[in-house]
Amino acid sequence: ENINFEWPDVPFPLVEVLILNFSSSSYCLPPFLNCMENLKVLIIANHNIAAAVLNGLLPSGSLKSLRAVRLEKISLPISCTLMEPFNGVQKLSMILCKVDEVLEI
């Protein structure tokens, strides 16, 4: 489990493909994702038995070059704000993901 894990603040402005492999029920996305201006492909793969909850979701408009996203065994709420960072994505693959409804009152 990496709930309290702190990622180093390392810029990767030229990276075009990022693969995050982990095995956990909860995962904190690295903050340097917001600085990857050339990122075209993002793969987030959970190898745990159960789906993982992602923490530190991306702010909208932070990944303008992103074209393809692949999520494996991730628990996601159905929310417009969740999908905002993926507005320009041409291909979204969700493998064995758990999708939950979010009730807004």
Protein backbone atom coordinates (compact mmCIF):
# COMPACT_ATOMS: atom_id res chain seq x y z
CA GLU A 1 0.00 0.00 0.00
CA ASN A 2 1.36 3.42 -0.88
CA ILE A 3 -1.28 5.70 0.64
CA ASN A 4 1.36 7.94 2.27
CA PHE A 5 3.97 7.51 -0.46
CA GLU A 6 5.54 10.77 -1.62
CA TRP A 7 6.75 10.93 -5.20
CA PRO A 8 9.93 12.91 -5.90
CA ASP A 9 9.34 16.21 -7.70
CA VAL A 10 11.12 15.32 -10.93
CA PRO A 11 10.11 16.96 -14.22
CA PHE A 12 9.81 14.78 -17.33
CA PRO A 13 8.71 17.28 -20.02
CA LEU A 14 9.78 15.15 -23.02
CA VAL A 15 8.18 11.83 -22.00
CA GLU A 16 5.58 10.61 -24.51
CA VAL A 17 4.61 7.25 -22.94
CA LEU A 18 4.24 6.51 -19.22
CA ILE A 19 3.47 3.07 -17.79
CA LEU A 20 2.60 2.84 -14.09
CA ASN A 21 2.54 -0.77 -12.82
CA PHE A 22 1.58 -1.49 -9.23
CA SER A 23 -0.16 -4.02 -7.00
CA SER A 24 -2.31 -2.29 -4.40
CA SER A 25 -5.89 -1.49 -3.41
CA SER A 26 -5.07 2.24 -3.40
CA TYR A 27 -2.60 4.17 -5.54
CA CYS A 28 -1.45 7.78 -5.52
CA LEU A 29 -0.69 9.19 -8.96
CA PRO A 30 2.64 11.00 -9.18
CA PRO A 31 2.33 14.81 -9.19
CA PHE A 32 4.87 15.11 -12.03
CA LEU A 33 2.14 13.83 -14.41
CA ASN A 34 0.86 17.42 -14.55
CA CYS A 35 4.18 18.59 -16.06
CA MET A 36 4.36 16.01 -18.86
CA GLU A 37 3.42 18.33 -21.71
CA ASN A 38 4.27 15.79 -24.44
CA LEU A 39 2.61 12.74 -22.85
CA LYS A 40 0.63 10.92 -25.54
CA VAL A 41 0.00 7.50 -23.94
CA LEU A 42 -0.78 6.76 -20.28
CA ILE A 43 -1.07 3.19 -19.01
CA ILE A 44 -2.07 2.56 -15.40
CA ALA A 45 -2.03 -1.17 -14.58
CA ASN A 46 -2.95 -2.65 -11.21
CA HIS A 47 -1.81 -6.24 -10.68
CA ASN A 48 -3.66 -6.73 -7.38
CA ILE A 49 -6.63 -9.10 -7.12
CA ALA A 50 -9.06 -6.25 -6.34
CA ALA A 51 -9.55 -2.99 -8.24
CA ALA A 52 -7.53 -0.04 -6.92
CA VAL A 53 -8.80 3.41 -6.03
CA LEU A 54 -6.71 6.18 -7.59
CA ASN A 55 -5.76 9.23 -5.54
CA GLY A 56 -4.39 12.49 -6.90
CA LEU A 57 -6.44 12.59 -10.10
CA LEU A 58 -5.24 14.88 -12.86
CA PRO A 59 -6.47 18.47 -13.13
CA SER A 60 -8.40 19.22 -16.30
CA GLY A 61 -6.33 20.54 -19.19
CA SER A 62 -3.03 19.38 -17.71
CA LEU A 63 -2.36 16.77 -20.42
CA LYS A 64 -3.28 18.40 -23.71
CA SER A 65 -1.19 15.99 -25.82
CA LEU A 66 -2.71 12.85 -24.27
CA ARG A 67 -4.24 10.63 -26.98
CA ALA A 68 -4.55 7.15 -25.45
CA VAL A 69 -5.29 5.92 -21.92
CA ARG A 70 -5.37 2.31 -20.72
CA LEU A 71 -6.66 1.53 -17.23
CA GLU A 72 -6.45 -1.98 -15.74
CA LYS A 73 -8.23 -3.04 -12.52
CA ILE A 74 -9.01 0.52 -11.44
CA SER A 75 -12.08 1.58 -9.44
CA LEU A 76 -13.60 4.71 -10.98
CA PRO A 77 -16.59 6.88 -10.10
CA ILE A 78 -18.85 7.94 -12.97
CA SER A 79 -18.27 11.66 -12.93
CA CYS A 80 -17.86 14.40 -15.50
CA THR A 81 -15.00 15.88 -13.48
CA LEU A 82 -13.15 12.55 -13.59
CA MET A 83 -13.25 12.50 -17.38
CA GLU A 84 -12.22 16.16 -17.92
CA PRO A 85 -8.47 15.42 -18.11
CA PHE A 86 -9.26 12.93 -20.91
CA ASN A 87 -11.20 15.34 -23.17
CA GLY A 88 -8.70 15.08 -26.05
CA VAL A 89 -8.19 11.33 -25.71
CA GLN A 90 -8.92 9.37 -28.88
CA LYS A 91 -8.72 5.91 -27.29
CA LEU A 92 -9.76 4.98 -23.75
CA SER A 93 -9.35 1.32 -22.74
CA MET A 94 -10.73 0.09 -19.43
CA ILE A 95 -9.85 -3.52 -18.61
CA LEU A 96 -11.46 -5.16 -15.55
CA CYS A 97 -12.27 -1.72 -14.11
CA LYS A 98 -14.96 -1.15 -11.52
CA VAL A 99 -17.23 1.77 -12.37
CA ASP A 100 -19.42 3.22 -9.61
CA GLU A 101 -22.15 5.82 -9.75
CA VAL A 102 -21.58 9.03 -7.83
CA LEU A 103 -24.64 10.60 -6.29
CA GLU A 104 -24.50 14.39 -6.31
CA ILE A 105 -26.90 16.12 -3.93
